[in-house]
Amino acid sequence: MQKRTIIVTVLLFLVSTMLAAVDHRPANAEESQLIRIFGGVATGAGELTKPIRLEPPTLTVSKGAVVVWLNWARTVECVKVSFQEGKKCDDVTDAPTGFEMTGGCYVTSWITFGGTSSLRFTDPGTYTYTVEAKSGGEIRKTTGRILVKGD
């Protein structure tokens, strides 16, 4: 019985130490906005009857906002978000989650259903991005825009 008490005490100590070590401060973002990516409907022949859709297709945020892309496309294998002006976007964003610079393009890896990627926009401007959806060997594309307002 004493051995069990010691084990429980040690485990409680370890858990409380880990919780104290976690940074509980909120991210330095003034707001966060979600862009949902919806997929087309696949027919039995592998044809797509609806295009990839972004909700909203154009998003206006304040400087310092975090934009989160959510793959909510149930009928596609995965999606990818990319900014062709990769260096420009790299210079005006921070805290990228799931994005990296690849060949001059700021791009995510393939995001599976329910997955997310996010960027925090630090400078005003208009940023156009492309969403690619992979389904049944086909890749379909659509574009969206982020409008970042100044102070």
Protein backbone atom coordinates (compact mmCIF):
# COMPACT_ATOMS: atom_id res chain seq x y z
CA MET A 1 0.00 0.00 0.00
CA GLN A 2 2.84 2.39 0.83
CA LYS A 3 4.46 1.68 -2.55
CA ARG A 4 1.20 2.61 -4.33
CA THR A 5 1.00 5.89 -2.38
CA ILE A 6 4.56 6.79 -3.39
CA ILE A 7 3.85 6.02 -7.05
CA VAL A 8 0.68 8.14 -7.04
CA THR A 9 2.53 11.01 -5.33
CA VAL A 10 5.36 10.88 -7.88
CA LEU A 11 2.89 10.81 -10.77
CA LEU A 12 0.98 13.79 -9.37
CA PHE A 13 4.26 15.67 -8.94
CA LEU A 14 5.27 14.92 -12.55
CA VAL A 15 1.89 16.00 -13.95
CA SER A 16 1.85 19.23 -11.94
CA THR A 17 5.44 19.99 -13.00
CA MET A 18 4.56 19.46 -16.67
CA LEU A 19 1.49 21.70 -16.37
CA ALA A 20 3.54 24.45 -14.75
CA ALA A 21 6.14 24.23 -17.54
CA VAL A 22 3.57 24.70 -20.33
CA ASP A 23 3.30 28.29 -21.57
CA HIS A 24 -0.32 29.31 -20.95
CA ARG A 25 -0.02 32.81 -22.41
CA PRO A 26 -2.34 33.50 -25.35
CA ALA A 27 -0.80 33.90 -28.80
CA ASN A 28 0.13 37.46 -29.68
CA ALA A 29 -2.71 37.82 -32.16
CA GLU A 30 -5.49 40.34 -32.04
CA GLU A 31 -7.97 38.05 -33.76
CA SER A 32 -8.21 34.76 -35.56
CA GLN A 33 -10.33 33.96 -38.57
CA LEU A 34 -11.25 30.62 -40.11
CA ILE A 35 -11.38 29.76 -43.80
CA ARG A 36 -13.17 26.48 -44.44
CA ILE A 37 -12.30 24.49 -47.54
CA PHE A 38 -15.24 22.46 -48.87
CA GLY A 39 -14.86 19.75 -51.50
CA GLY A 40 -16.86 18.69 -54.50
CA VAL A 41 -19.06 15.65 -54.55
CA ALA A 42 -17.57 12.61 -56.28
CA THR A 43 -19.85 10.44 -58.42
CA GLY A 44 -19.35 6.72 -58.93
CA ALA A 45 -17.46 7.43 -62.16
CA GLY A 46 -14.95 9.58 -60.27
CA GLU A 47 -16.30 12.82 -61.74
CA LEU A 48 -16.71 15.85 -59.52
CA THR A 49 -20.05 17.60 -59.62
CA LYS A 50 -19.19 20.56 -57.39
CA PRO A 51 -16.00 22.64 -57.35
CA ILE A 52 -13.75 23.25 -54.37
CA ARG A 53 -15.25 26.13 -52.40
CA LEU A 54 -13.69 28.49 -49.88
CA GLU A 55 -15.79 30.02 -47.16
CA PRO A 56 -15.21 32.95 -47.27
CA PRO A 57 -13.44 33.33 -50.65
CA THR A 58 -12.12 36.75 -49.61
CA LEU A 59 -11.32 37.40 -45.98
CA THR A 60 -10.64 40.84 -44.48
CA VAL A 61 -8.64 40.87 -41.25
CA SER A 62 -6.75 43.38 -39.15
CA LYS A 63 -2.99 43.57 -39.00
CA GLY A 64 -1.78 40.94 -36.51
CA ALA A 65 -4.64 38.50 -37.18
CA VAL A 66 -4.17 34.76 -37.48
CA VAL A 67 -5.84 33.08 -40.45
CA VAL A 68 -6.58 29.35 -40.12
CA TRP A 69 -7.39 27.14 -43.12
CA LEU A 70 -9.52 24.09 -42.24
CA ASN A 71 -9.87 21.18 -44.66
CA TRP A 72 -13.57 20.41 -44.43
CA ALA A 73 -13.66 18.75 -47.86
CA ARG A 74 -15.00 15.30 -47.06
CA THR A 75 -14.86 13.92 -50.58
CA VAL A 76 -11.25 14.78 -51.43
CA GLU A 77 -8.14 12.98 -50.27
CA CYS A 78 -6.37 16.15 -49.15
CA VAL A 79 -5.81 19.84 -49.89
CA LYS A 80 -2.80 22.13 -50.17
CA VAL A 81 -2.67 25.93 -49.64
CA SER A 82 0.03 27.97 -51.39
CA PHE A 83 1.03 31.58 -51.94
CA GLN A 84 2.86 32.07 -55.25
CA GLU A 85 4.49 35.20 -53.85
CA GLY A 86 6.13 33.05 -51.21
CA LYS A 87 8.93 35.43 -50.22
CA LYS A 88 6.51 38.34 -49.93
CA CYS A 89 4.24 36.27 -47.67
CA ASP A 90 7.19 34.95 -45.67
CA ASP A 91 8.25 38.56 -44.97
CA VAL A 92 4.82 39.65 -43.70
CA THR A 93 3.76 36.63 -41.67
CA ASP A 94 4.95 34.81 -38.62
CA ALA A 95 4.03 31.81 -36.48
CA PRO A 96 3.36 29.63 -39.53
CA THR A 97 1.82 26.32 -38.66
CA GLY A 98 2.00 23.81 -41.46
CA PHE A 99 3.50 26.25 -44.02
CA GLU A 100 7.05 26.26 -45.37
CA MET A 101 9.00 27.93 -48.17
CA THR A 102 9.29 25.55 -51.15
CA GLY A 103 10.78 26.76 -54.42
CA GLY A 104 9.90 30.42 -53.81
CA CYS A 105 6.36 29.53 -52.81
CA TYR A 106 4.93 29.61 -49.30
CA VAL A 107 3.05 26.29 -49.20
CA THR A 108 1.51 23.73 -46.85
CA SER A 109 2.00 20.01 -47.06
CA TRP A 110 -1.10 18.05 -48.09
CA ILE A 111 -3.74 18.59 -45.37
CA THR A 112 -6.08 15.68 -44.64
CA PHE A 113 -9.74 16.05 -43.68
CA GLY A 114 -10.10 17.99 -40.42
CA GLY A 115 -6.50 19.26 -40.58
CA THR A 116 -5.47 22.90 -40.37
CA SER A 117 -2.66 25.28 -41.22
CA SER A 118 -2.35 28.89 -40.10
CA LEU A 119 -0.47 32.14 -40.63
CA ARG A 120 -0.34 35.40 -38.66
CA PHE A 121 -0.34 38.45 -40.97
CA THR A 122 1.82 41.30 -39.65
CA ASP A 123 1.65 43.80 -42.56
CA PRO A 124 -1.29 45.35 -44.43
CA GLY A 125 -1.85 44.30 -48.04
CA THR A 126 -3.67 41.90 -50.33
CA TYR A 127 -2.45 38.30 -50.46
CA THR A 128 -3.76 35.84 -53.04
CA TYR A 129 -3.46 32.11 -52.42
CA THR A 130 -4.33 28.91 -54.25
CA VAL A 131 -6.00 25.84 -52.81
CA GLU A 132 -5.38 22.54 -54.58
CA ALA A 133 -7.59 19.54 -53.87
CA LYS A 134 -6.52 16.01 -54.73
CA SER A 135 -9.24 13.46 -55.40
CA GLY A 136 -9.13 10.26 -57.42
CA GLY A 137 -5.89 11.22 -59.12
CA GLU A 138 -7.30 14.61 -60.19
CA ILE A 139 -6.12 17.94 -58.81
CA ARG A 140 -8.55 20.84 -58.83
CA LYS A 141 -7.68 24.43 -57.90
CA THR A 142 -9.39 27.54 -56.64
CA THR A 143 -8.07 30.87 -55.37
CA GLY A 144 -8.82 33.04 -52.38
CA ARG A 145 -7.65 36.38 -51.01
CA ILE A 146 -6.64 37.75 -47.64
CA LEU A 147 -7.09 41.53 -47.25
CA VAL A 148 -5.08 42.77 -44.26
CA LYS A 149 -6.13 46.21 -42.98
CA GLY A 150 -3.62 48.56 -41.37
CA ASP A 151 -4.07 50.15 -37.95
